[in-house]
Protein backbone atom coordinates (compact mmCIF):
# COMPACT_ATOMS: atom_id res chain seq x y z
CA MET A 1 -54.75 -10.01 -75.62
CA LEU A 2 -56.79 -7.58 -77.67
CA ILE A 3 -59.03 -6.78 -74.70
CA THR A 4 -55.98 -6.11 -72.54
CA ASN A 5 -54.45 -3.80 -75.13
CA GLY A 6 -57.72 -2.03 -75.68
CA SER A 7 -58.31 -1.50 -71.95
CA ARG A 8 -54.75 -0.25 -71.52
CA ARG A 9 -55.25 2.28 -74.31
CA CYS A 10 -58.53 3.42 -72.79
CA VAL A 11 -56.90 3.97 -69.40
CA ILE A 12 -54.09 5.93 -71.03
CA LYS A 13 -56.58 8.05 -72.96
CA LEU A 14 -58.59 8.65 -69.80
CA LYS A 15 -55.44 9.60 -67.96
CA GLU A 16 -54.51 12.05 -70.67
CA TYR A 17 -58.00 13.51 -70.57
CA SER A 18 -57.92 13.81 -66.76
CA ASP A 19 -54.53 15.51 -66.85
CA LYS A 20 -55.75 18.00 -69.43
CA LYS A 21 -58.79 18.77 -67.35
CA LYS A 22 -56.68 19.27 -64.21
CA ASN A 23 -54.39 21.57 -66.12
CA ARG A 24 -57.35 23.65 -67.25
CA ILE A 25 -58.75 23.92 -63.75
CA SER A 26 -55.35 24.77 -62.36
CA HIS A 27 -54.88 27.38 -64.99
CA ASN A 28 -58.22 29.00 -64.32
CA ARG A 29 -57.67 29.19 -60.55
CA ARG A 30 -54.10 30.56 -60.65
CA PRO A 31 -55.06 34.28 -60.91
CA LEU A 32 -56.80 34.10 -57.50
CA VAL A 33 -53.33 34.11 -56.00
CA GLU A 34 -51.51 37.43 -56.46
CA PRO A 35 -48.11 36.92 -57.96
CA ASN A 36 -46.56 39.66 -55.76
CA SER A 37 -48.41 38.63 -52.62
CA THR A 38 -46.48 38.90 -49.45
CA THR A 39 -45.66 36.14 -47.03
CA ASN A 40 -47.76 35.16 -44.05
CA ASN A 41 -45.47 37.03 -41.67
CA GLU A 42 -45.83 40.27 -43.62
CA ARG A 43 -49.65 40.00 -43.59
CA ASN A 44 -49.62 38.89 -39.97
CA ILE A 45 -51.73 35.88 -40.92
CA PRO A 46 -51.64 33.14 -38.31
CA ASP A 47 -50.21 29.75 -39.14
CA GLY A 48 -53.59 28.07 -38.84
CA ASN A 49 -54.99 29.99 -41.77
CA ASN A 50 -51.99 28.92 -43.87
CA ASP A 51 -52.71 25.29 -43.24
CA SER A 52 -56.30 25.70 -44.22
CA SER A 53 -55.26 27.28 -47.55
CA THR A 54 -52.97 24.37 -48.26
CA ASN A 55 -55.70 21.89 -47.53
CA GLU A 56 -58.02 23.85 -49.76
CA LEU A 57 -55.53 23.58 -52.62
CA ASN A 58 -55.07 19.87 -52.02
CA GLU A 59 -58.86 19.47 -52.07
CA ILE A 60 -59.00 21.36 -55.35
CA ASN A 61 -56.21 19.19 -56.86
CA GLU A 62 -57.81 16.00 -55.57
CA ASP A 63 -60.28 14.60 -58.08
CA ARG A 64 -63.31 13.22 -56.33
CA SER A 65 -65.08 12.36 -59.53
CA LEU A 66 -65.80 8.88 -60.74
CA LEU A 67 -63.09 9.22 -63.39
CA GLY A 68 -60.58 10.23 -60.77
CA ARG A 69 -61.45 7.36 -58.51
CA LEU A 70 -61.26 4.98 -61.47
CA LEU A 71 -57.84 6.17 -62.49
CA ASN A 72 -56.57 5.92 -58.90
CA CYS A 73 -57.25 2.22 -58.72
CA LYS A 74 -54.24 -0.02 -58.68
CA PRO A 75 -54.65 -1.59 -62.13
CA CYS A 76 -55.11 1.82 -63.75
CA LEU A 77 -52.25 3.31 -61.78
CA ARG A 78 -50.07 0.39 -62.89
CA VAL A 79 -51.02 1.05 -66.51
CA THR A 80 -50.56 4.81 -66.25
CA ASP A 81 -47.27 4.48 -64.35
CA THR A 82 -45.99 2.03 -66.95
CA HIS A 83 -47.02 4.36 -69.74
CA GLN A 84 -45.42 7.34 -67.94
CA LYS A 85 -42.18 5.39 -67.58
CA LYS A 86 -42.23 4.57 -71.25
CA ILE A 87 -42.71 8.22 -72.09
CA GLU A 88 -39.89 9.21 -69.77
CA ASP A 89 -37.66 6.47 -71.16
CA SER A 90 -38.40 7.51 -74.71
CA LYS A 91 -37.71 11.12 -73.80
CA ARG A 92 -34.48 10.11 -72.13
CA ASN A 93 -33.57 7.98 -75.16
CA TRP A 94 -34.33 10.90 -77.43
CA GLU A 95 -32.04 13.14 -75.39
CA ASP A 96 -29.40 10.44 -75.46
CA SER A 97 -29.85 10.08 -79.21
CA GLU A 98 -29.34 13.82 -79.64
CA ALA A 99 -26.09 13.64 -77.70
CA ASN A 100 -25.11 10.56 -79.66
CA LEU A 101 -25.79 12.32 -82.91
CA TYR A 102 -23.59 15.25 -81.83
CA TRP A 103 -20.69 13.07 -80.81
CA LYS A 104 -21.23 10.90 -83.81
CA TYR A 105 -20.97 13.98 -85.98
CA LYS A 106 -17.85 15.04 -84.11
CA ALA A 107 -16.41 11.56 -84.48
CA ILE A 108 -17.18 11.56 -88.19
CA GLU A 109 -15.61 15.01 -88.53
CA PHE A 110 -12.49 13.90 -86.59
CA TYR A 111 -12.24 10.74 -88.66
CA ALA A 112 -12.51 12.76 -91.85
CA LYS A 113 -9.75 15.09 -90.67
CA THR A 114 -7.65 12.10 -89.64
CA GLN A 115 -8.17 10.49 -93.02
CA GLU A 116 -7.21 13.73 -94.74
CA ALA A 117 -4.10 14.06 -92.57
CA ASP A 118 -3.22 10.44 -93.33
CA LYS A 119 -3.60 11.10 -97.04
CA VAL A 120 -1.37 14.18 -96.79
CA GLN A 121 1.20 12.20 -94.79
CA GLU A 122 0.99 9.37 -97.30
CA LYS A 123 1.62 11.85 -100.11
CA LEU A 124 4.57 13.28 -98.19
CA ASP A 125 5.91 9.78 -97.57
CA ASN A 126 5.52 8.94 -101.25
CA LEU A 127 7.26 12.17 -102.21
CA SER A 128 10.06 11.48 -99.73
CA ASN A 129 10.45 7.95 -101.09
CA SER A 130 10.52 9.33 -104.61
CA VAL A 131 13.19 11.87 -103.65
CA THR A 132 15.17 9.11 -101.92
CA ASN A 133 14.90 6.87 -104.97
CA VAL A 134 15.96 9.75 -107.22
CA GLN A 135 18.93 10.39 -104.93
CA LYS A 136 19.87 6.73 -105.05
CA ASP A 137 19.56 6.75 -108.83
CA MET A 138 21.72 9.88 -108.96
CA ASP A 139 24.33 8.19 -106.75
CA VAL A 140 24.29 5.15 -109.02
CA GLN A 141 24.58 7.36 -112.09
CA ARG A 142 27.36 9.37 -110.46
CA LYS A 143 29.21 6.18 -109.62
CA SER A 144 28.71 4.91 -113.14
CA LEU A 145 29.95 8.21 -114.58
CA ARG A 146 32.97 8.06 -112.26
CA GLN A 147 33.72 4.53 -113.43
CA ILE A 148 33.28 5.60 -117.04
CA ASN A 149 35.54 8.58 -116.43
CA ASP A 150 38.17 6.32 -114.83
CA ARG A 151 37.94 3.99 -117.80
CA VAL A 152 38.25 6.89 -120.21
CA VAL A 153 41.29 8.19 -118.32
CA THR A 154 42.80 4.69 -118.31
CA LEU A 155 42.11 4.27 -122.01
CA GLU A 156 43.52 7.70 -122.70
CA LYS A 157 46.67 6.83 -120.74
CA ILE A 158 46.97 3.53 -122.60
CA MET A 159 46.49 5.37 -125.87
CA ILE A 160 49.17 7.94 -124.98
CA ASP A 161 51.56 5.21 -123.82
CA SER A 162 50.91 3.31 -127.04
CA HIS A 163 51.48 6.51 -129.00
CA ILE A 164 54.80 7.06 -127.22
CA LEU A 165 55.78 3.42 -127.83
CA LEU A 166 54.97 3.77 -131.53
CA GLU A 167 57.07 6.93 -131.61
CA LYS A 168 59.92 5.01 -130.03
CA ILE A 169 59.63 2.23 -132.62
CA ARG A 170 59.41 4.77 -135.44
CA ALA A 171 62.46 6.64 -134.13
CA THR A 172 64.41 3.41 -133.94
CA ILE A 173 63.50 2.50 -137.53
CA GLN A 174 64.30 5.97 -138.83
CA GLN A 175 67.70 6.04 -137.17
CA GLU A 176 68.81 2.69 -138.50
CA ASP A 177 70.11 4.09 -141.77
CA LYS A 178 71.27 7.48 -140.50
CA SER A 179 74.72 8.47 -139.39
CA LEU A 180 75.18 10.36 -136.15
CA PRO A 181 75.63 13.87 -137.63
CA GLU A 182 72.17 13.63 -139.21
CA CYS A 183 70.48 12.84 -135.91
CA GLN A 184 72.67 14.57 -133.35
CA LYS A 185 69.72 15.90 -131.45
CA PHE A 186 68.13 12.74 -130.15
CA ILE A 187 64.42 12.93 -129.62
CA HIS A 188 63.30 12.07 -126.11
CA ILE A 189 62.95 8.32 -125.86
CA LEU A 190 64.76 7.35 -122.66
CA SER A 191 63.97 10.81 -121.24
CA ARG A 192 60.26 9.92 -121.30
CA GLU A 193 60.59 6.45 -119.76
CA SER A 194 58.11 5.92 -116.93
CA PRO A 195 58.35 5.51 -113.98
CA TYR A 196 61.29 7.76 -113.26
CA ILE A 197 64.44 5.85 -112.37
CA TYR A 198 64.98 5.08 -108.65
CA THR A 199 61.35 6.01 -107.91
CA ASN A 200 57.80 4.82 -108.49
CA GLU A 201 56.76 8.25 -109.80
CA ALA A 202 55.25 8.12 -113.27
CA ARG A 203 56.29 10.74 -115.78
CA PHE A 204 53.56 12.95 -117.17
CA PRO A 205 52.72 11.47 -120.61
CA VAL A 206 54.27 13.63 -123.34
CA THR A 207 53.84 12.72 -126.97
CA GLU A 208 56.33 13.82 -129.59
CA LYS A 209 54.04 16.64 -130.65
CA TYR A 210 54.26 18.35 -127.25
CA ILE A 211 57.97 17.85 -126.57
CA PRO A 212 59.06 21.34 -127.82
CA TRP A 213 58.51 24.15 -125.35
CA LYS A 214 57.17 26.39 -128.10
CA ILE A 215 54.08 24.16 -128.44
CA PRO A 216 51.43 25.19 -125.87
CA PHE A 217 50.49 22.38 -123.50
CA ASP A 218 47.98 23.73 -120.95
CA LEU A 219 47.37 20.34 -119.32
CA TYR A 220 51.07 19.74 -118.67
CA ASP A 221 51.53 19.12 -114.94
CA PRO A 222 54.66 17.02 -114.31
CA SER A 223 55.73 15.58 -110.97
CA LEU A 224 58.53 17.19 -108.98
CA ILE A 225 61.45 14.83 -108.32
CA THR A 226 64.71 15.94 -106.69
CA LEU A 227 66.59 13.11 -105.00
CA PRO A 228 68.60 14.10 -101.89
CA LYS A 229 72.37 13.72 -101.79
CA GLU A 230 71.98 10.81 -99.33
CA HIS A 231 70.28 8.73 -102.03
CA SER A 232 72.09 5.61 -103.17
CA CYS A 233 72.19 6.81 -106.78
CA PHE A 234 75.09 9.15 -105.86
CA ARG A 235 78.61 7.90 -105.20
CA ASP A 236 80.45 8.86 -102.04
CA ASP A 237 82.79 11.19 -103.90
CA GLU A 238 79.86 12.84 -105.72
CA ARG A 239 77.75 13.58 -102.66
CA PRO A 240 79.52 16.85 -101.66
CA PHE A 241 78.70 18.27 -105.12
CA VAL A 242 74.98 17.38 -105.19
CA GLU A 243 73.09 20.66 -105.36
CA PRO A 244 70.09 21.45 -103.13
CA ASN A 245 66.47 21.56 -104.18
CA LEU A 246 66.06 25.05 -105.63
CA LEU A 247 62.28 24.69 -105.93
CA LYS A 248 61.98 24.66 -102.13
CA THR A 249 64.29 27.63 -101.52
CA SER A 250 62.47 30.88 -100.93
CA SER A 251 65.31 33.39 -101.19
CA ILE A 252 68.91 33.83 -102.27
CA ASP A 253 70.07 33.80 -98.64
CA ASP A 254 68.29 30.50 -98.05
CA LEU A 255 69.72 29.23 -101.31
CA SER A 256 73.27 30.18 -100.26
CA SER A 257 72.77 28.54 -96.87
CA SER A 258 71.50 25.39 -98.57
CA ILE A 259 74.50 25.34 -100.90
CA ILE A 260 76.94 25.84 -98.01
CA ASP A 261 75.19 23.16 -95.98
CA THR A 262 75.32 20.78 -98.95
CA TYR A 263 79.04 21.22 -99.43
CA LEU A 264 79.79 21.06 -95.69
CA THR A 265 78.07 17.73 -95.13
CA PRO A 266 80.57 14.87 -95.00
CA ALA A 267 80.11 11.96 -97.34
CA THR A 268 78.70 8.70 -95.98
CA PRO A 269 79.54 5.31 -97.50
CA ILE A 270 76.70 3.92 -99.58
CA SER A 271 76.52 1.63 -102.57
CA GLN A 272 75.59 2.73 -106.07
CA PRO A 273 73.00 0.85 -108.16
CA GLY A 274 73.24 0.49 -111.89
CA THR A 275 71.78 3.13 -114.20
CA PHE A 276 70.36 2.16 -117.54
CA GLY A 277 71.43 4.54 -120.26
CA ALA A 278 73.53 6.61 -117.84
CA ILE A 279 77.02 8.01 -118.33
CA GLU A 280 79.28 6.34 -115.76
CA PRO A 281 80.96 8.64 -113.22
CA ALA A 282 84.65 9.14 -112.70
CA MET A 283 85.99 7.33 -109.65
CA THR A 284 87.61 10.32 -108.01
CA ASN A 285 89.09 10.24 -104.52
CA ILE A 286 87.83 13.68 -103.39
CA THR A 287 86.58 13.38 -99.82
CA PHE A 288 87.42 16.83 -98.38
CA ASP A 289 84.76 19.16 -97.05
CA PHE A 290 84.76 22.78 -98.08
CA THR A 291 82.68 25.91 -97.89
CA ILE A 292 81.85 28.04 -100.90
CA PRO A 293 80.79 31.66 -100.59
CA ALA A 294 77.16 32.62 -101.14
CA PHE A 295 76.53 33.31 -104.79
CA GLU A 296 73.71 33.18 -107.28
CA TYR A 297 73.59 30.41 -109.79
CA LYS A 298 75.12 31.80 -112.96
CA TRP A 299 73.16 30.07 -115.68
CA ASN A 300 74.77 29.82 -119.13
CA GLN A 301 78.09 30.88 -117.54
CA THR A 302 81.24 29.38 -116.06
CA ALA A 303 82.08 30.35 -112.47
CA GLU A 304 85.34 29.82 -110.58
CA VAL A 305 85.28 29.00 -106.86
CA GLN A 306 88.30 29.19 -104.54
CA LEU A 307 88.64 26.17 -102.24
CA PRO A 308 90.18 26.29 -98.73
CA ASP A 309 93.34 24.51 -99.92
CA ARG A 310 93.81 27.26 -102.53
CA LYS A 311 92.71 24.96 -105.28
CA LYS A 312 90.03 26.02 -107.71
CA MET A 313 86.69 24.51 -108.62
CA ILE A 314 85.21 25.35 -112.01
CA VAL A 315 81.41 25.32 -112.13
CA ASP A 316 80.50 25.11 -115.82
CA ARG A 317 76.81 25.79 -116.48
CA THR A 318 77.12 26.36 -120.22
CA THR A 319 75.80 23.84 -122.71
CA TRP A 320 77.58 22.00 -125.50
CA LEU A 321 74.53 22.29 -127.70
CA THR A 322 74.72 24.63 -130.68
CA ASN A 323 72.19 26.47 -132.79
CA PRO A 324 71.27 24.37 -135.85
CA GLY A 325 71.83 27.21 -138.31
CA ASP A 326 75.14 28.90 -137.56
CA LYS A 327 76.48 26.36 -135.01
CA THR A 328 76.94 29.08 -132.43
CA PRO A 329 76.72 28.12 -128.73
CA LEU A 330 73.16 27.71 -127.58
CA VAL A 331 71.78 29.71 -124.65
CA TYR A 332 69.20 27.57 -122.88
CA ARG A 333 66.01 29.22 -121.63
CA LEU A 334 65.01 29.77 -118.02
CA ASP A 335 61.61 29.22 -116.48
CA THR A 336 59.98 32.64 -116.32
CA GLN A 337 58.60 32.07 -112.83
CA LEU A 338 61.10 29.77 -111.12
CA LEU A 339 64.22 31.15 -112.90
CA ILE A 340 65.70 27.68 -113.32
CA PRO A 341 66.96 26.11 -116.59
CA LEU A 342 64.64 24.46 -119.06
CA CYS A 343 65.89 21.46 -120.99
CA PRO A 344 66.68 22.75 -124.50
CA MET A 345 65.40 19.52 -126.02
CA GLY A 346 61.90 19.99 -124.59
CA ARG A 347 59.55 18.43 -122.06
CA THR A 348 60.36 15.17 -120.28
CA GLY A 349 57.34 14.72 -117.97
CA VAL A 350 59.27 15.41 -114.73
CA ARG A 351 60.32 18.64 -113.03
CA GLY A 352 63.24 19.10 -110.62
CA ARG A 353 66.86 17.95 -110.50
CA GLY A 354 65.92 14.27 -110.49
CA ALA A 355 68.82 11.86 -110.00
CA LEU A 356 71.43 14.25 -111.45
CA ILE A 357 74.03 16.23 -109.53
CA ARG A 358 73.48 19.70 -110.95
CA TRP A 359 70.67 21.83 -112.23
CA GLY A 360 70.99 22.51 -115.92
CA PRO A 361 73.61 20.60 -117.95
CA ASN A 362 75.47 17.69 -116.32
CA LYS A 363 78.56 17.14 -118.49
CA SER A 364 80.61 13.98 -118.79
CA ILE A 365 83.60 12.67 -120.79
CA MET A 366 83.54 9.06 -121.99
CA GLY A 367 86.09 6.91 -123.78
CA ILE A 368 85.24 3.91 -125.97
CA ILE A 369 88.30 1.70 -126.57
CA THR A 370 87.99 -0.50 -129.68
CA ARG A 371 90.01 -3.06 -131.65
CA TRP A 372 89.36 -5.49 -134.49
CA LYS A 373 87.91 -8.83 -133.49
CA LYS A 374 90.04 -11.85 -134.40
CA HIS A 375 89.31 -15.56 -134.53
CA ARG A 376 92.28 -17.96 -134.62
CA GLY A 377 94.59 -15.17 -135.66
CA GLN A 378 92.37 -13.94 -138.47
CA PHE A 379 90.02 -10.96 -138.59
CA ALA A 380 86.38 -11.90 -138.03
CA ILE A 381 84.45 -10.84 -141.15
CA VAL A 382 80.67 -10.66 -141.71
CA ASP A 383 79.23 -9.56 -145.05
CA GLY A 384 82.69 -8.46 -146.15
CA GLN A 385 83.21 -6.17 -143.12
CA ARG A 386 85.36 -6.60 -140.03
CA ILE A 387 83.82 -6.54 -136.55
CA LEU A 388 84.83 -4.11 -133.85
CA GLU A 389 85.26 -5.03 -130.18
CA ALA A 390 85.06 -2.56 -127.29
CA LEU A 391 86.62 -2.94 -123.85
CA VAL A 392 84.02 -2.84 -121.07
CA PHE A 393 84.32 -3.31 -117.33
CA LYS A 394 82.01 -4.98 -114.85
CA ASP A 395 80.66 -3.06 -111.88
CA LYS A 396 81.00 -5.15 -108.71
CA LEU A 397 77.91 -3.65 -107.14
CA THR A 398 75.49 -3.76 -110.04
CA ASN A 399 77.01 -6.39 -112.39
CA ASP A 400 76.51 -3.92 -115.26
CA TRP A 401 79.13 -3.45 -117.97
CA LYS A 402 80.38 0.11 -118.08
CA LEU A 403 82.83 2.25 -120.02
CA PRO A 404 85.60 4.46 -118.61
CA GLY A 405 84.47 8.02 -118.18
CA GLY A 406 84.15 10.90 -115.77
CA LYS A 407 81.63 13.53 -114.76
CA ILE A 408 82.83 17.10 -114.99
CA LEU A 409 82.56 18.27 -111.39
CA GLY A 410 85.12 21.06 -111.70
CA VAL A 411 87.73 19.91 -109.18
CA GLU A 412 89.89 18.07 -111.72
CA SER A 413 90.40 17.94 -115.45
CA PRO A 414 87.61 16.01 -117.20
CA TYR A 415 90.22 14.50 -119.53
CA GLY A 416 92.28 13.48 -116.55
CA ALA A 417 89.17 11.89 -115.01
CA VAL A 418 88.80 9.65 -118.08
CA CYS A 419 92.43 8.55 -117.87
CA ARG A 420 92.22 7.85 -114.14
CA SER A 421 88.94 6.01 -114.53
CA PHE A 422 90.51 3.79 -117.17
CA ASN A 423 93.58 3.08 -115.00
CA ILE A 424 91.38 2.07 -112.06
CA LEU A 425 89.07 -0.15 -114.12
CA ALA A 426 91.74 -1.77 -116.30
CA PHE A 427 94.74 -1.98 -113.97
CA GLN A 428 93.26 -1.34 -110.50
CA ASP A 429 95.59 1.66 -110.22
CA ASN A 430 94.15 3.97 -107.57
CA ASP A 431 97.25 6.17 -107.18
CA SER A 432 97.07 8.15 -110.41
CA GLU A 433 96.26 11.82 -110.02
CA HIS A 434 95.42 14.44 -112.62
CA SER A 435 95.07 18.19 -112.14
CA LEU A 436 92.85 20.77 -113.77
CA SER A 437 95.62 21.54 -116.24
CA LEU A 438 95.37 18.20 -118.09
CA GLN A 439 94.23 18.92 -121.65
CA GLU A 440 92.74 16.98 -124.52
CA ARG A 441 96.10 16.20 -126.12
CA ASP A 442 97.34 14.77 -122.80
CA MET A 443 94.42 12.34 -122.77
CA ILE A 444 95.12 11.29 -126.37
CA GLU A 445 98.81 10.73 -125.57
CA HIS A 446 97.89 8.67 -122.53
CA PHE A 447 95.81 6.22 -124.58
CA ALA A 448 98.27 6.29 -127.50
CA SER A 449 100.98 5.09 -125.14
CA PHE A 450 99.37 1.64 -125.08
CA ALA A 451 99.89 1.15 -128.86
CA ARG A 452 103.25 -0.38 -129.79
CA SER A 453 104.85 -1.04 -133.17
CA SER A 454 105.76 -4.53 -134.23
CA ASP A 455 109.52 -3.77 -134.29
CA GLY A 456 109.61 -3.15 -130.54
CA THR A 457 110.12 0.61 -130.72
CA ASP A 458 108.06 3.13 -128.80
CA ARG A 459 106.62 4.60 -131.98
CA PRO A 460 102.80 4.35 -131.89
CA ASN A 461 101.38 2.27 -134.70
CA GLY A 462 97.76 1.89 -135.82
CA PHE A 463 96.30 4.11 -133.10
CA GLU A 464 93.41 6.46 -133.92
CA SER A 465 91.38 8.81 -131.78
CA TYR A 466 88.08 10.46 -132.67
CA MET A 467 85.68 12.68 -130.82
CA VAL A 468 82.58 10.84 -131.92
CA TYR A 469 79.97 13.13 -130.40
CA ARG A 470 79.54 16.08 -128.07
CA GLY A 471 76.13 17.30 -127.06
CA TYR A 472 72.84 16.24 -125.54
CA ILE A 473 72.38 12.63 -124.38
CA ASP A 474 68.96 10.99 -124.14
CA ASP A 475 69.12 9.61 -120.59
CA VAL A 476 66.59 8.12 -118.19
CA ARG A 477 67.68 10.64 -115.52
CA ASN A 478 66.85 13.70 -117.62
CA THR A 479 64.19 16.10 -116.37
CA ASP A 480 62.76 19.44 -117.48
CA ASN A 481 65.39 21.26 -115.42
CA ALA A 482 68.45 18.98 -115.50
CA TRP A 483 69.89 16.94 -118.36
CA VAL A 484 72.95 14.97 -119.43
CA GLU A 485 75.49 16.12 -121.98
CA ALA A 486 78.52 14.09 -123.01
CA GLU A 487 81.73 14.27 -125.01
CA ILE A 488 82.36 10.78 -126.36
CA TRP A 489 85.78 9.70 -127.63
CA ASN A 490 86.79 6.60 -129.52
CA PHE A 491 90.33 5.27 -129.04
CA HIS A 492 90.92 2.65 -131.71
CA TYR A 493 93.88 0.26 -131.88
CA GLY A 494 94.21 -0.99 -135.42
CA SER A 495 97.17 -3.32 -134.90
CA THR A 496 99.24 -4.36 -131.94
CA MET A 497 98.45 -3.00 -128.49
CA SER A 498 100.01 -3.50 -125.12
CA PHE A 499 97.90 -3.15 -121.98
CA PRO A 500 100.33 -4.08 -119.21
CA ASN A 501 98.78 -5.73 -116.19
CA LEU A 502 95.27 -5.79 -117.69
CA ARG A 503 93.16 -7.48 -115.08
CA THR A 504 92.28 -11.12 -115.74
CA ASP A 505 89.66 -11.65 -113.02
CA GLY A 506 86.71 -11.52 -115.44
CA MET A 507 85.99 -7.87 -114.65
CA ALA A 508 87.33 -6.68 -118.04
CA LEU A 509 85.83 -8.00 -121.26
CA TRP A 510 85.89 -7.28 -125.00
CA LYS A 511 82.36 -7.07 -126.45
CA ASP A 512 81.26 -6.91 -130.08
CA VAL A 513 80.14 -3.50 -131.31
CA THR A 514 77.00 -4.54 -133.18
CA TYR A 515 73.35 -3.58 -133.29
CA ASN A 516 72.38 -6.55 -131.09
CA ALA A 517 75.02 -5.84 -128.46
CA ARG A 518 73.49 -5.66 -124.97
CA GLY A 519 76.61 -4.77 -123.00
CA PHE A 520 76.62 -1.01 -123.63
CA LEU A 521 74.61 1.54 -121.69
CA MET A 522 74.60 3.92 -124.64
CA GLN A 523 72.49 5.02 -127.56
CA THR A 524 72.69 2.68 -130.52
CA SER A 525 73.33 5.61 -132.87
CA ILE A 526 76.67 6.34 -131.16
CA LEU A 527 77.83 2.75 -131.57
CA ARG A 528 76.60 2.88 -135.17
CA GLU A 529 78.67 6.03 -135.75
CA ILE A 530 81.82 4.36 -134.41
CA ALA A 531 81.26 1.38 -136.73
CA ARG A 532 80.67 3.78 -139.64
CA ILE A 533 83.93 5.64 -138.96
CA HIS A 534 85.93 2.42 -139.18
CA ASP A 535 83.80 0.87 -141.95
CA ALA A 536 83.00 -2.02 -139.63
CA TYR A 537 80.06 -4.39 -139.57
CA PHE A 538 77.20 -3.25 -137.36
CA GLU A 539 74.10 -5.24 -138.37
């Protein structure tokens, strides 16, 4: 093995030596040939001479020496060829390695850029995820704040409702020992009841502090409620007098057209539900249609309208309220922007006409008929005081107990409306008629006619009449722009009375006038005042 390797190295060395020698010889002989020599055709040299030159060069390149012959033997040629192939392979591998290094460098550079881009993208993704998480957290916080705000609003509403309830309880306690003249101006209790009657609309919460208009209330934003004349809260005979919604009328001409249209519309039969705390209407038989001329609403005034049958209608928009100091008639204020009346008693939590017939004051006359309660022929006495009874009548539609009375619509005397209402309720007399000329004394005489002396004469005996109250009434129908006022009379029969043909079908009933009475749709203070006038037991 060593001999073979040694011989192979010797042959390779000899080959290298021979090649160097040939290169030297070739280098030394190259100047003999001119570099700019012309071709054989240009020198006109025959082809035979060219061949001889070629042979001469081949003879020069051919090595005839012993070394040359040795290297041209097959074993040496095999060794030199193998060595030459190795050199060529190594050279080729080196060239390939150079190319590989270049592309490897490019690959490394591309990978580095890719890694850098991936890192940047990863940072962007992380930032995007962070922003998304922050947005989600903000949404959660916003939802939580909204829930907290809703809870705060709910708690605030509960607190205000509780405050109003406490005010109602306090007002009830304070009025227990007061007579009516000391508390004529009722604070708003029923007028702040929520929701508004006949609707599901809640009143804007108003505490006692913010009831007066003179107290600024920037957050005050009440709902607008104006029930149409077709609503079941109005009787058939009242529907022609229901006034239009002024808050939707843009001009006086539109307003006049609305008024004319309201009065021209025929009444349609519809039932009437009960009204808690409401003054009962007169059961008039007015069903005619009429047209009134266009006119502006004359607030704080009384206007006279000529009807087609030459009868008159009195539209009274004055108030029965008086100034507390000099008792002069009160002039209620108007809204500075809408030019409609403002309730003189203050805010109620609802704007509009509500369930009332007219804007501004809605006046009524009511009669409370009383007698002394007896048990087995003797006066019923509690704590040394006699007990009063009042005559009430049952409404067929609502099963509520009501008192005779009439709304002042202007087409008949309000005092006549009370008398006719009583005749219909007590005796089912639908034929009685009363004109605008019926006065207060005529009403008193009508009720006095039912009192008879014990000797059988027509001389009244034991009959008394009192105007118990006239002014503002705390009513569930009251709004900021329409309110109820009433003149309440008490007709008391101290001894014998005679009500001929008083109905006995259970629709007329005598109820005790006491603090615990539940048969009267009226403020307790009014019943208390009646008991005080007659020195009767109340509680």
